[in-house]
Amino acid sequence: MRYLSTAYVRDHRARVGHRRGSLVVKTPDGSQKIPLEAIDAVVLLGAAQVTSQALAACVRRGVRVTSLYLSGAVRFIVGPKTGGNVHLRSALCRAVMDADHALAISKAIVAAKIQSSRRVVARWSRDERDPSRRDDLTRRATQLGDRIPRVARADSPNLVRGIEGDAARIYFKAVGHALAETRLPFTGRSRRPPRDPVNAMLGFAYGLLVTECVGAIESVGLDYQMGIFHRPRSGRPSLALDLTEELRALTDRFVVSLVRRRQIKPDDFLSMPGGGVYLNDDGRTKLIRAWERHKETEIHHEVTGKKVGRWAIPSVQATLLARHLRGDLPAYAPFVLP
């Protein structure tokens, strides 16, 4: 694999066209050329427009185009033709329809997510100076660890989802403690719309992560809408959301670090009349630049036994899932944060 850049079109007034192998991004402030050979994805933010010629050129070159709402939620995704072969996609469909197989993969994904969350909270507890918050973080890390064996014993998808929801409640209380001394406090998860700056950052970062997982899944020839833990639903990238679950704790740690280091500040957000809070133009620019640096970091991958670039982890996991569905691996091995 080769690390290629993602082009982010942040200006709402932008219009993306195509000319001689390059995307041409025009705004009231001027124009810029982006060679298609240097990128693997385009992310359009807000109301930025793209021509059919530009879309066709991106499809031919295998460049994925994603449009995101202000919150980071996916508006649409246009990608190249699905690779792989029909037998692999048929194997995915059989796994989705086989209750026992789907349950086994779902349990692996949720257990990995909770384990990664536990390790993040345990790290926060070691760094915490306030004794009462340190004790609470330690207790919550223990509680998360106690949920992992429950996942293994779960005998139904609803029970797995119940354990995952219970773990999320414990975990996000810990996020609040980790941000207690910052200028952007966090009291709980809120979506549609996000009600505070931290939720705005989490939602936006999750949206960026989902687009990566969509591309990784398509690259191995799987259908990103045929989810296993997230059941298939029209218009929802369910399998991409499955892979996203494994990287949520890592993404949360990224957001918490930005706030703690004051790389994102209160004036990087705007409040809407309906109560929603979103990153403004400057805030999105700061987060995207930090996100690209975050993608370049290396993380130990327990399955491969090697350090892997963060940008490559979705592709590694999609490949492991494809190998399991083909029968090359007896079980799916999810990503766990070291």
C-alpha atoms as a PDB file:
ATOM      1  CA  MET A   1       0.000   0.000   0.000  1.00  0.00           C
ATOM      2  CA  ARG A   2       1.049   3.578  -0.645  1.00  0.00           C
ATOM      3  CA  TYR A   3      -0.011   6.530   1.456  1.00  0.00           C
ATOM      4  CA  LEU A   4      -1.768   9.081  -0.752  1.00  0.00           C
ATOM      5  CA  SER A   5      -3.246  12.366   0.374  1.00  0.00           C
ATOM      6  CA  THR A   6      -6.884  13.267   0.853  1.00  0.00           C
ATOM      7  CA  ALA A   7      -7.971  16.534  -0.744  1.00  0.00           C
ATOM      8  CA  TYR A   8     -10.330  18.522   1.497  1.00  0.00           C
ATOM      9  CA  VAL A   9     -12.517  21.144  -0.165  1.00  0.00           C
ATOM     10  CA  ARG A  10     -13.459  23.385   2.747  1.00  0.00           C
ATOM     11  CA  ASP A  11     -14.942  26.451   1.028  1.00  0.00           C
ATOM     12  CA  HIS A  12     -18.738  26.205   0.746  1.00  0.00           C
ATOM     13  CA  ARG A  13     -18.600  28.323  -2.428  1.00  0.00           C
ATOM     14  CA  ALA A  14     -16.137  26.006  -4.169  1.00  0.00           C
ATOM     15  CA  ARG A  15     -16.800  24.291  -7.471  1.00  0.00           C
ATOM     16  CA  VAL A  16     -14.669  21.277  -8.389  1.00  0.00           C
ATOM     17  CA  GLY A  17     -14.073  20.611 -12.067  1.00  0.00           C
ATOM     18  CA  HIS A  18     -11.615  18.539 -14.099  1.00  0.00           C
ATOM     19  CA  ARG A  19      -8.958  19.398 -16.661  1.00  0.00           C
ATOM     20  CA  ARG A  20      -6.084  17.349 -18.085  1.00  0.00           C
ATOM     21  CA  GLY A  21      -5.690  14.846 -15.270  1.00  0.00           C
ATOM     22  CA  SER A  22      -6.208  17.336 -12.435  1.00  0.00           C
ATOM     23  CA  LEU A  23      -9.095  18.532 -10.341  1.00  0.00           C
ATOM     24  CA  VAL A  24      -9.588  22.284 -10.569  1.00  0.00           C
ATOM     25  CA  VAL A  25     -11.068  23.825  -7.435  1.00  0.00           C
ATOM     26  CA  LYS A  26     -12.510  27.284  -8.103  1.00  0.00           C
ATOM     27  CA  THR A  27     -13.549  29.683  -5.349  1.00  0.00           C
ATOM     28  CA  PRO A  28     -14.210  33.439  -5.300  1.00  0.00           C
ATOM     29  CA  ASP A  29     -10.618  33.800  -4.083  1.00  0.00           C
ATOM     30  CA  GLY A  30      -9.037  31.981  -7.040  1.00  0.00           C
ATOM     31  CA  SER A  31      -8.407  28.447  -8.313  1.00  0.00           C
ATOM     32  CA  GLN A  32      -6.143  25.548  -7.468  1.00  0.00           C
ATOM     33  CA  LYS A  33      -5.111  22.410  -9.367  1.00  0.00           C
ATOM     34  CA  ILE A  34      -4.881  19.022  -7.638  1.00  0.00           C
ATOM     35  CA  PRO A  35      -3.265  16.201  -9.687  1.00  0.00           C
ATOM     36  CA  LEU A  36      -5.458  13.096  -9.460  1.00  0.00           C
ATOM     37  CA  GLU A  37      -2.420  10.836  -9.370  1.00  0.00           C
ATOM     38  CA  ALA A  38      -1.415  12.334  -5.990  1.00  0.00           C
ATOM     39  CA  ILE A  39      -4.658  11.661  -4.097  1.00  0.00           C
ATOM     40  CA  ASP A  40      -6.886   8.735  -3.215  1.00  0.00           C
ATOM     41  CA  ALA A  41      -9.883  10.655  -1.854  1.00  0.00           C
ATOM     42  CA  VAL A  42     -11.721  13.968  -2.024  1.00  0.00           C
ATOM     43  CA  VAL A  43     -13.815  15.218   0.891  1.00  0.00           C
ATOM     44  CA  LEU A  44     -16.319  17.988   0.167  1.00  0.00           C
ATOM     45  CA  LEU A  45     -17.467  19.993   3.176  1.00  0.00           C
ATOM     46  CA  GLY A  46     -20.815  21.740   3.304  1.00  0.00           C
ATOM     47  CA  ALA A  47     -22.223  23.037   0.017  1.00  0.00           C
ATOM     48  CA  ALA A  48     -19.149  22.635  -2.208  1.00  0.00           C
ATOM     49  CA  GLN A  49     -20.133  21.461  -5.711  1.00  0.00           C
ATOM     50  CA  VAL A  50     -18.508  18.968  -8.073  1.00  0.00           C
ATOM     51  CA  THR A  51     -19.117  18.544 -11.809  1.00  0.00           C
ATOM     52  CA  SER A  52     -20.069  15.276 -13.449  1.00  0.00           C
ATOM     53  CA  GLN A  53     -16.829  15.426 -15.447  1.00  0.00           C
ATOM     54  CA  ALA A  54     -14.806  15.644 -12.229  1.00  0.00           C
ATOM     55  CA  LEU A  55     -16.752  12.743 -10.726  1.00  0.00           C
ATOM     56  CA  ALA A  56     -16.163  10.634 -13.836  1.00  0.00           C
ATOM     57  CA  ALA A  57     -12.431  11.378 -13.746  1.00  0.00           C
ATOM     58  CA  CYS A  58     -12.262  10.429 -10.056  1.00  0.00           C
ATOM     59  CA  VAL A  59     -14.064   7.150 -10.735  1.00  0.00           C
ATOM     60  CA  ARG A  60     -11.659   6.294 -13.559  1.00  0.00           C
ATOM     61  CA  ARG A  61      -8.636   6.983 -11.342  1.00  0.00           C
ATOM     62  CA  GLY A  62     -10.056   5.151  -8.326  1.00  0.00           C
ATOM     63  CA  VAL A  63     -10.419   8.347  -6.268  1.00  0.00           C
ATOM     64  CA  ARG A  64     -13.273   8.273  -3.762  1.00  0.00           C
ATOM     65  CA  VAL A  65     -15.440  11.415  -3.439  1.00  0.00           C
ATOM     66  CA  THR A  66     -17.304  12.006  -0.175  1.00  0.00           C
ATOM     67  CA  SER A  67     -19.581  14.887   0.758  1.00  0.00           C
ATOM     68  CA  LEU A  68     -20.029  15.605   4.477  1.00  0.00           C
ATOM     69  CA  TYR A  69     -22.512  17.732   6.366  1.00  0.00           C
ATOM     70  CA  LEU A  70     -21.236  20.304   8.861  1.00  0.00           C
ATOM     71  CA  SER A  71     -21.567  17.682  11.604  1.00  0.00           C
ATOM     72  CA  GLY A  72     -19.355  15.211   9.743  1.00  0.00           C
ATOM     73  CA  ALA A  73     -22.270  12.950   8.799  1.00  0.00           C
ATOM     74  CA  VAL A  74     -22.003  11.481   5.307  1.00  0.00           C
ATOM     75  CA  ARG A  75     -24.180  13.123   2.637  1.00  0.00           C
ATOM     76  CA  PHE A  76     -23.052  10.921  -0.250  1.00  0.00           C
ATOM     77  CA  ILE A  77     -20.115   8.800  -1.414  1.00  0.00           C
ATOM     78  CA  VAL A  78     -19.059   8.204  -5.017  1.00  0.00           C
ATOM     79  CA  GLY A  79     -16.356   5.625  -5.576  1.00  0.00           C
ATOM     80  CA  PRO A  80     -14.724   3.503  -8.259  1.00  0.00           C
ATOM     81  CA  LYS A  81     -16.122   0.197  -9.437  1.00  0.00           C
ATOM     82  CA  THR A  82     -16.121  -2.431  -6.693  1.00  0.00           C
ATOM     83  CA  GLY A  83     -13.075  -4.680  -6.976  1.00  0.00           C
ATOM     84  CA  GLY A  84     -12.611  -8.229  -5.789  1.00  0.00           C
ATOM     85  CA  ASN A  85     -14.974 -10.893  -7.002  1.00  0.00           C
ATOM     86  CA  VAL A  86     -18.598 -11.868  -6.631  1.00  0.00           C
ATOM     87  CA  HIS A  87     -17.697 -14.932  -4.530  1.00  0.00           C
ATOM     88  CA  LEU A  88     -16.207 -12.723  -1.798  1.00  0.00           C
ATOM     89  CA  ARG A  89     -19.294 -10.520  -1.721  1.00  0.00           C
ATOM     90  CA  SER A  90     -21.461 -13.631  -1.645  1.00  0.00           C
ATOM     91  CA  ALA A  91     -19.479 -14.861   1.363  1.00  0.00           C
ATOM     92  CA  LEU A  92     -20.153 -11.532   3.095  1.00  0.00           C
ATOM     93  CA  CYS A  93     -23.872 -11.865   2.405  1.00  0.00           C
ATOM     94  CA  ARG A  94     -23.864 -15.399   3.825  1.00  0.00           C
ATOM     95  CA  ALA A  95     -22.096 -14.176   6.974  1.00  0.00           C
ATOM     96  CA  VAL A  96     -24.646 -11.381   7.390  1.00  0.00           C
ATOM     97  CA  MET A  97     -27.548 -13.832   7.009  1.00  0.00           C
ATOM     98  CA  ASP A  98     -26.007 -16.549   9.219  1.00  0.00           C
ATOM     99  CA  ALA A  99     -27.063 -15.595  12.761  1.00  0.00           C
ATOM    100  CA  ASP A 100     -24.255 -17.513  14.495  1.00  0.00           C
ATOM    101  CA  HIS A 101     -21.527 -16.244  12.181  1.00  0.00           C
ATOM    102  CA  ALA A 102     -22.753 -12.641  12.416  1.00  0.00           C
ATOM    103  CA  LEU A 103     -22.930 -12.907  16.199  1.00  0.00           C
ATOM    104  CA  ALA A 104     -19.351 -14.208  16.423  1.00  0.00           C
ATOM    105  CA  ILE A 105     -17.971 -11.329  14.321  1.00  0.00           C
ATOM    106  CA  SER A 106     -20.095  -8.779  16.214  1.00  0.00           C
ATOM    107  CA  LYS A 107     -18.788 -10.053  19.544  1.00  0.00           C
ATOM    108  CA  ALA A 108     -15.197  -9.759  18.318  1.00  0.00           C
ATOM    109  CA  ILE A 109     -15.747  -6.156  17.170  1.00  0.00           C
ATOM    110  CA  VAL A 110     -17.457  -5.060  20.402  1.00  0.00           C
ATOM    111  CA  ALA A 111     -14.954  -6.810  22.674  1.00  0.00           C
ATOM    112  CA  ALA A 112     -12.087  -5.117  20.813  1.00  0.00           C
ATOM    113  CA  LYS A 113     -13.787  -1.731  21.076  1.00  0.00           C
ATOM    114  CA  ILE A 114     -14.296  -2.093  24.831  1.00  0.00           C
ATOM    115  CA  GLN A 115     -10.720  -3.320  25.335  1.00  0.00           C
ATOM    116  CA  SER A 116      -9.342  -0.310  23.461  1.00  0.00           C
ATOM    117  CA  SER A 117     -11.616   1.988  25.466  1.00  0.00           C
ATOM    118  CA  ARG A 118     -10.399   0.418  28.701  1.00  0.00           C
ATOM    119  CA  ARG A 119      -6.768   1.000  27.748  1.00  0.00           C
ATOM    120  CA  VAL A 120      -7.422   4.640  26.850  1.00  0.00           C
ATOM    121  CA  VAL A 121      -9.196   5.284  30.165  1.00  0.00           C
ATOM    122  CA  ALA A 122      -6.434   3.502  32.104  1.00  0.00           C
ATOM    123  CA  ARG A 123      -3.878   5.773  30.437  1.00  0.00           C
ATOM    124  CA  TRP A 124      -5.909   8.844  31.382  1.00  0.00           C
ATOM    125  CA  SER A 125      -6.052   7.633  34.983  1.00  0.00           C
ATOM    126  CA  ARG A 126      -2.258   7.334  35.127  1.00  0.00           C
ATOM    127  CA  ASP A 127      -1.895  10.892  33.811  1.00  0.00           C
ATOM    128  CA  GLU A 128      -4.535  12.411  36.091  1.00  0.00           C
ATOM    129  CA  ARG A 129      -3.248  14.564  38.965  1.00  0.00           C
ATOM    130  CA  ASP A 130      -6.505  15.044  40.846  1.00  0.00           C
ATOM    131  CA  PRO A 131      -6.863  12.074  43.271  1.00  0.00           C
ATOM    132  CA  SER A 132     -10.660  11.817  43.086  1.00  0.00           C
ATOM    133  CA  ARG A 133     -10.752  11.934  39.292  1.00  0.00           C
ATOM    134  CA  ARG A 134      -7.834   9.503  39.089  1.00  0.00           C
ATOM    135  CA  ASP A 135      -9.700   7.025  41.310  1.00  0.00           C
ATOM    136  CA  ASP A 136     -12.867   7.405  39.248  1.00  0.00           C
ATOM    137  CA  LEU A 137     -10.999   6.845  35.990  1.00  0.00           C
ATOM    138  CA  THR A 138      -9.313   3.758  37.447  1.00  0.00           C
ATOM    139  CA  ARG A 139     -12.695   2.432  38.564  1.00  0.00           C
ATOM    140  CA  ARG A 140     -14.199   3.033  35.142  1.00  0.00           C
ATOM    141  CA  ALA A 141     -11.292   1.264  33.430  1.00  0.00           C
ATOM    142  CA  THR A 142     -11.964  -1.728  35.693  1.00  0.00           C
ATOM    143  CA  GLN A 143     -15.671  -1.614  34.896  1.00  0.00           C
ATOM    144  CA  LEU A 144     -14.918  -1.627  31.180  1.00  0.00           C
ATOM    145  CA  GLY A 145     -12.627  -4.608  31.644  1.00  0.00           C
ATOM    146  CA  ASP A 146     -15.426  -6.437  33.457  1.00  0.00           C
ATOM    147  CA  ARG A 147     -17.707  -6.003  30.404  1.00  0.00           C
ATOM    148  CA  ILE A 148     -15.374  -7.863  28.041  1.00  0.00           C
ATOM    149  CA  PRO A 149     -16.113 -11.389  29.397  1.00  0.00           C
ATOM    150  CA  ARG A 150     -19.821 -10.551  29.255  1.00  0.00           C
ATOM    151  CA  VAL A 151     -19.490  -9.994  25.512  1.00  0.00           C
ATOM    152  CA  ALA A 152     -17.959 -13.451  25.131  1.00  0.00           C
ATOM    153  CA  ARG A 153     -20.931 -14.988  26.982  1.00  0.00           C
ATOM    154  CA  ALA A 154     -23.602 -13.052  25.074  1.00  0.00           C
ATOM    155  CA  ASP A 155     -25.947 -15.313  23.142  1.00  0.00           C
ATOM    156  CA  SER A 156     -27.875 -12.753  21.077  1.00  0.00           C
ATOM    157  CA  PRO A 157     -27.182  -9.605  19.025  1.00  0.00           C
ATOM    158  CA  ASN A 158     -29.417  -7.534  21.292  1.00  0.00           C
ATOM    159  CA  LEU A 159     -27.426  -8.586  24.347  1.00  0.00           C
ATOM    160  CA  VAL A 160     -24.174  -7.619  22.594  1.00  0.00           C
ATOM    161  CA  ARG A 161     -25.644  -4.209  21.752  1.00  0.00           C
ATOM    162  CA  GLY A 162     -26.807  -3.809  25.336  1.00  0.00           C
ATOM    163  CA  ILE A 163     -23.315  -4.491  26.699  1.00  0.00           C
ATOM    164  CA  GLU A 164     -21.804  -2.129  24.133  1.00  0.00           C
ATOM    165  CA  GLY A 165     -24.235   0.624  25.132  1.00  0.00           C
ATOM    166  CA  ASP A 166     -23.517   0.087  28.840  1.00  0.00           C
ATOM    167  CA  ALA A 167     -19.774   0.260  28.176  1.00  0.00           C
ATOM    168  CA  ALA A 168     -20.229   3.455  26.154  1.00  0.00           C
ATOM    169  CA  ARG A 169     -22.070   5.078  29.070  1.00  0.00           C
ATOM    170  CA  ILE A 170     -19.173   4.255  31.415  1.00  0.00           C
ATOM    171  CA  TYR A 171     -16.589   5.327  28.865  1.00  0.00           C
ATOM    172  CA  PHE A 172     -18.026   8.736  27.993  1.00  0.00           C
ATOM    173  CA  LYS A 173     -18.213   9.629  31.687  1.00  0.00           C
ATOM    174  CA  ALA A 174     -14.460   9.002  31.688  1.00  0.00           C
ATOM    175  CA  VAL A 175     -14.054  11.319  28.690  1.00  0.00           C
ATOM    176  CA  GLY A 176     -15.730  14.017  30.772  1.00  0.00           C
ATOM    177  CA  HIS A 177     -13.209  13.511  33.571  1.00  0.00           C
ATOM    178  CA  ALA A 178     -10.316  13.619  31.102  1.00  0.00           C
ATOM    179  CA  LEU A 179     -11.506  17.043  29.902  1.00  0.00           C
ATOM    180  CA  ALA A 180     -12.542  18.430  33.292  1.00  0.00           C
ATOM    181  CA  GLU A 181      -9.707  20.968  33.519  1.00  0.00           C
ATOM    182  CA  THR A 182      -9.967  22.202  29.919  1.00  0.00           C
ATOM    183  CA  ARG A 183     -11.834  25.121  28.381  1.00  0.00           C
ATOM    184  CA  LEU A 184     -14.104  22.678  26.529  1.00  0.00           C
ATOM    185  CA  PRO A 185     -15.827  20.505  29.140  1.00  0.00           C
ATOM    186  CA  PHE A 186     -17.815  17.427  28.112  1.00  0.00           C
ATOM    187  CA  THR A 187     -20.903  16.111  29.909  1.00  0.00           C
ATOM    188  CA  GLY A 188     -22.109  13.376  27.572  1.00  0.00           C
ATOM    189  CA  ARG A 189     -22.515  12.220  24.003  1.00  0.00           C
ATOM    190  CA  SER A 190     -25.007  14.158  21.873  1.00  0.00           C
ATOM    191  CA  ARG A 191     -25.696  13.909  18.144  1.00  0.00           C
ATOM    192  CA  ARG A 192     -28.069  15.289  15.506  1.00  0.00           C
ATOM    193  CA  PRO A 193     -27.184  17.989  16.399  1.00  0.00           C
ATOM    194  CA  PRO A 194     -24.061  18.002  18.572  1.00  0.00           C
ATOM    195  CA  ARG A 195     -24.747  20.208  21.597  1.00  0.00           C
ATOM    196  CA  ASP A 196     -21.220  21.222  22.582  1.00  0.00           C
ATOM    197  CA  PRO A 197     -17.772  21.682  20.988  1.00  0.00           C
ATOM    198  CA  VAL A 198     -16.397  18.273  21.983  1.00  0.00           C
ATOM    199  CA  ASN A 199     -19.390  16.472  20.463  1.00  0.00           C
ATOM    200  CA  ALA A 200     -18.944  18.601  17.335  1.00  0.00           C
ATOM    201  CA  MET A 201     -15.323  17.424  17.085  1.00  0.00           C
ATOM    202  CA  LEU A 202     -16.181  13.789  17.763  1.00  0.00           C
ATOM    203  CA  GLY A 203     -18.910  13.744  15.126  1.00  0.00           C
ATOM    204  CA  PHE A 204     -16.693  15.388  12.534  1.00  0.00           C
ATOM    205  CA  ALA A 205     -13.756  13.057  13.212  1.00  0.00           C
ATOM    206  CA  TYR A 206     -16.050  10.020  13.075  1.00  0.00           C
ATOM    207  CA  GLY A 207     -17.273  11.193   9.670  1.00  0.00           C
ATOM    208  CA  LEU A 208     -13.700  11.391   8.383  1.00  0.00           C
ATOM    209  CA  LEU A 209     -13.021   7.922   9.777  1.00  0.00           C
ATOM    210  CA  VAL A 210     -16.105   6.432   8.115  1.00  0.00           C
ATOM    211  CA  THR A 211     -14.947   7.707   4.714  1.00  0.00           C
ATOM    212  CA  GLU A 212     -11.593   5.975   5.239  1.00  0.00           C
ATOM    213  CA  CYS A 213     -13.313   2.714   6.153  1.00  0.00           C
ATOM    214  CA  VAL A 214     -15.562   2.912   3.088  1.00  0.00           C
ATOM    215  CA  GLY A 215     -12.498   3.199   0.868  1.00  0.00           C
ATOM    216  CA  ALA A 216     -10.713   0.351   2.651  1.00  0.00           C
ATOM    217  CA  ILE A 217     -13.712  -1.961   2.308  1.00  0.00           C
ATOM    218  CA  GLU A 218     -14.188  -1.165  -1.367  1.00  0.00           C
ATOM    219  CA  SER A 219     -10.481  -1.710  -2.049  1.00  0.00           C
ATOM    220  CA  VAL A 220     -10.736  -5.384  -1.031  1.00  0.00           C
ATOM    221  CA  GLY A 221     -13.971  -5.966  -2.929  1.00  0.00           C
ATOM    222  CA  LEU A 222     -16.533  -5.974  -0.105  1.00  0.00           C
ATOM    223  CA  ASP A 223     -19.835  -4.109   0.045  1.00  0.00           C
ATOM    224  CA  TYR A 224     -19.609  -1.333   2.631  1.00  0.00           C
ATOM    225  CA  GLN A 225     -23.401  -1.321   3.117  1.00  0.00           C
ATOM    226  CA  MET A 226     -23.646  -5.001   4.126  1.00  0.00           C
ATOM    227  CA  GLY A 227     -22.952  -4.603   7.837  1.00  0.00           C
ATOM    228  CA  ILE A 228     -22.673  -7.343  10.437  1.00  0.00           C
ATOM    229  CA  PHE A 229     -22.811  -5.627  13.841  1.00  0.00           C
ATOM    230  CA  HIS A 230     -24.608  -2.673  12.242  1.00  0.00           C
ATOM    231  CA  ARG A 231     -27.276  -4.503  10.295  1.00  0.00           C
ATOM    232  CA  PRO A 232     -27.847  -3.524   6.640  1.00  0.00           C
ATOM    233  CA  ARG A 233     -30.084  -0.492   6.240  1.00  0.00           C
ATOM    234  CA  SER A 234     -30.821   1.377   3.034  1.00  0.00           C
ATOM    235  CA  GLY A 235     -28.404   4.259   2.556  1.00  0.00           C
ATOM    236  CA  ARG A 236     -26.260   3.449   5.605  1.00  0.00           C
ATOM    237  CA  PRO A 237     -22.590   2.390   5.249  1.00  0.00           C
ATOM    238  CA  SER A 238     -23.124  -0.357   7.824  1.00  0.00           C
ATOM    239  CA  LEU A 239     -19.957  -2.414   7.272  1.00  0.00           C
ATOM    240  CA  ALA A 240     -17.878   0.780   7.322  1.00  0.00           C
ATOM    241  CA  LEU A 241     -19.497   1.603  10.671  1.00  0.00           C
ATOM    242  CA  ASP A 242     -18.482  -1.866  11.896  1.00  0.00           C
ATOM    243  CA  LEU A 243     -14.818  -1.156  11.158  1.00  0.00           C
ATOM    244  CA  THR A 244     -15.182   2.341  12.601  1.00  0.00           C
ATOM    245  CA  GLU A 245     -16.145   0.855  15.982  1.00  0.00           C
ATOM    246  CA  GLU A 246     -12.671  -0.670  16.301  1.00  0.00           C
ATOM    247  CA  LEU A 247     -11.023   2.741  15.855  1.00  0.00           C
ATOM    248  CA  ARG A 248     -13.385   4.909  17.898  1.00  0.00           C
ATOM    249  CA  ALA A 249     -11.275   4.870  21.080  1.00  0.00           C
ATOM    250  CA  LEU A 250      -8.204   5.892  19.077  1.00  0.00           C
ATOM    251  CA  THR A 251     -10.207   8.699  17.467  1.00  0.00           C
ATOM    252  CA  ASP A 252     -11.569   9.823  20.842  1.00  0.00           C
ATOM    253  CA  ARG A 253      -8.023   9.948  22.196  1.00  0.00           C
ATOM    254  CA  PHE A 254      -7.071  12.131  19.236  1.00  0.00           C
ATOM    255  CA  VAL A 255      -9.910  14.581  19.991  1.00  0.00           C
ATOM    256  CA  VAL A 256      -9.150  14.684  23.725  1.00  0.00           C
ATOM    257  CA  SER A 257      -5.483  15.402  22.972  1.00  0.00           C
ATOM    258  CA  LEU A 258      -6.412  18.327  20.709  1.00  0.00           C
ATOM    259  CA  VAL A 259      -8.506  19.871  23.478  1.00  0.00           C
ATOM    260  CA  ARG A 260      -5.958  19.251  26.233  1.00  0.00           C
ATOM    261  CA  ARG A 261      -3.153  20.775  24.175  1.00  0.00           C
ATOM    262  CA  ARG A 262      -5.359  23.768  23.325  1.00  0.00           C
ATOM    263  CA  GLN A 263      -4.954  23.152  19.611  1.00  0.00           C
ATOM    264  CA  ILE A 264      -8.717  23.661  19.330  1.00  0.00           C
ATOM    265  CA  LYS A 265     -10.264  26.529  21.308  1.00  0.00           C
ATOM    266  CA  PRO A 266     -13.767  27.845  22.097  1.00  0.00           C
ATOM    267  CA  ASP A 267     -13.612  30.429  19.299  1.00  0.00           C
ATOM    268  CA  ASP A 268     -13.198  27.610  16.725  1.00  0.00           C
ATOM    269  CA  PHE A 269     -16.924  26.822  16.925  1.00  0.00           C
ATOM    270  CA  LEU A 270     -20.225  28.375  15.968  1.00  0.00           C
ATOM    271  CA  SER A 271     -23.608  27.946  17.646  1.00  0.00           C
ATOM    272  CA  MET A 272     -26.784  27.549  15.596  1.00  0.00           C
ATOM    273  CA  PRO A 273     -30.271  28.805  16.563  1.00  0.00           C
ATOM    274  CA  GLY A 274     -31.541  25.257  17.105  1.00  0.00           C
ATOM    275  CA  GLY A 275     -28.896  24.537  19.743  1.00  0.00           C
ATOM    276  CA  GLY A 276     -26.401  22.751  17.507  1.00  0.00           C
ATOM    277  CA  VAL A 277     -22.680  23.478  17.824  1.00  0.00           C
ATOM    278  CA  TYR A 278     -20.327  23.003  14.879  1.00  0.00           C
ATOM    279  CA  LEU A 279     -16.727  23.672  13.964  1.00  0.00           C
ATOM    280  CA  ASN A 280     -16.338  26.917  12.061  1.00  0.00           C
ATOM    281  CA  ASP A 281     -14.064  27.266   9.025  1.00  0.00           C
ATOM    282  CA  ASP A 282     -10.950  27.862  11.109  1.00  0.00           C
ATOM    283  CA  GLY A 283     -11.828  25.017  13.474  1.00  0.00           C
ATOM    284  CA  ARG A 284     -12.335  22.549  10.620  1.00  0.00           C
ATOM    285  CA  THR A 285      -9.039  23.591   9.064  1.00  0.00           C
ATOM    286  CA  LYS A 286      -7.205  23.016  12.351  1.00  0.00           C
ATOM    287  CA  LEU A 287      -8.841  19.646  12.920  1.00  0.00           C
ATOM    288  CA  ILE A 288      -8.219  18.414   9.382  1.00  0.00           C
ATOM    289  CA  ARG A 289      -4.533  19.372   9.534  1.00  0.00           C
ATOM    290  CA  ALA A 290      -4.191  17.581  12.872  1.00  0.00           C
ATOM    291  CA  TRP A 291      -6.102  14.592  11.436  1.00  0.00           C
ATOM    292  CA  GLU A 292      -3.643  14.236   8.577  1.00  0.00           C
ATOM    293  CA  ARG A 293      -0.733  14.308  11.026  1.00  0.00           C
ATOM    294  CA  HIS A 294      -2.572  11.744  13.162  1.00  0.00           C
ATOM    295  CA  LYS A 295      -2.920   9.438  10.143  1.00  0.00           C
ATOM    296  CA  GLU A 296       0.846   9.472   9.669  1.00  0.00           C
ATOM    297  CA  THR A 297       1.586   8.141  13.168  1.00  0.00           C
ATOM    298  CA  GLU A 298       2.594   4.487  13.586  1.00  0.00           C
ATOM    299  CA  ILE A 299       0.791   2.131  15.948  1.00  0.00           C
ATOM    300  CA  HIS A 300       1.675  -1.414  16.962  1.00  0.00           C
ATOM    301  CA  HIS A 301      -0.759  -3.858  15.364  1.00  0.00           C
ATOM    302  CA  GLU A 302      -1.160  -6.918  17.575  1.00  0.00           C
ATOM    303  CA  VAL A 303      -2.218  -9.266  14.770  1.00  0.00           C
ATOM    304  CA  THR A 304       0.578  -8.430  12.343  1.00  0.00           C
ATOM    305  CA  GLY A 305       3.101  -7.930  15.156  1.00  0.00           C
ATOM    306  CA  LYS A 306       4.418  -4.810  13.422  1.00  0.00           C
ATOM    307  CA  LYS A 307       4.027  -1.067  13.588  1.00  0.00           C
ATOM    308  CA  VAL A 308       1.459   0.098  11.064  1.00  0.00           C
ATOM    309  CA  GLY A 309       0.683   3.610   9.895  1.00  0.00           C
ATOM    310  CA  ARG A 310      -2.627   4.764  11.313  1.00  0.00           C
ATOM    311  CA  TRP A 311      -3.760   5.522   7.734  1.00  0.00           C
ATOM    312  CA  ALA A 312      -3.335   1.837   6.820  1.00  0.00           C
ATOM    313  CA  ILE A 313      -5.259   0.277   9.716  1.00  0.00           C
ATOM    314  CA  PRO A 314      -8.692   0.369   8.008  1.00  0.00           C
ATOM    315  CA  SER A 315      -7.182  -1.391   4.974  1.00  0.00           C
ATOM    316  CA  VAL A 316      -5.457  -3.995   7.167  1.00  0.00           C
ATOM    317  CA  GLN A 317      -8.731  -4.734   8.971  1.00  0.00           C
ATOM    318  CA  ALA A 318     -10.729  -4.903   5.755  1.00  0.00           C
ATOM    319  CA  THR A 319      -8.154  -7.376   4.391  1.00  0.00           C
ATOM    320  CA  LEU A 320      -8.353  -9.519   7.540  1.00  0.00           C
ATOM    321  CA  LEU A 321     -12.139  -9.570   7.285  1.00  0.00           C
ATOM    322  CA  ALA A 322     -11.968 -10.565   3.605  1.00  0.00           C
ATOM    323  CA  ARG A 323      -9.501 -13.368   4.404  1.00  0.00           C
ATOM    324  CA  HIS A 324     -11.792 -14.650   7.131  1.00  0.00           C
ATOM    325  CA  LEU A 325     -14.821 -14.595   4.819  1.00  0.00           C
ATOM    326  CA  ARG A 326     -12.823 -16.493   2.166  1.00  0.00           C
ATOM    327  CA  GLY A 327     -11.977 -19.140   4.749  1.00  0.00           C
ATOM    328  CA  ASP A 328      -8.265 -18.319   5.014  1.00  0.00           C
ATOM    329  CA  LEU A 329      -8.622 -17.346   8.700  1.00  0.00           C
ATOM    330  CA  PRO A 330     -10.757 -19.272  11.207  1.00  0.00           C
ATOM    331  CA  ALA A 331     -11.979 -16.069  12.904  1.00  0.00           C
ATOM    332  CA  TYR A 332     -11.954 -12.340  12.328  1.00  0.00           C
ATOM    333  CA  ALA A 333      -9.214 -10.586  14.310  1.00  0.00           C
ATOM    334  CA  PRO A 334     -10.297  -7.001  15.138  1.00  0.00           C
ATOM    335  CA  PHE A 335      -7.952  -4.110  15.877  1.00  0.00           C
ATOM    336  CA  VAL A 336      -7.135  -3.506  19.538  1.00  0.00           C
ATOM    337  CA  LEU A 337      -5.318  -0.385  20.653  1.00  0.00           C
ATOM    338  CA  PRO A 338      -2.018  -1.370  22.331  1.00  0.00           C
END
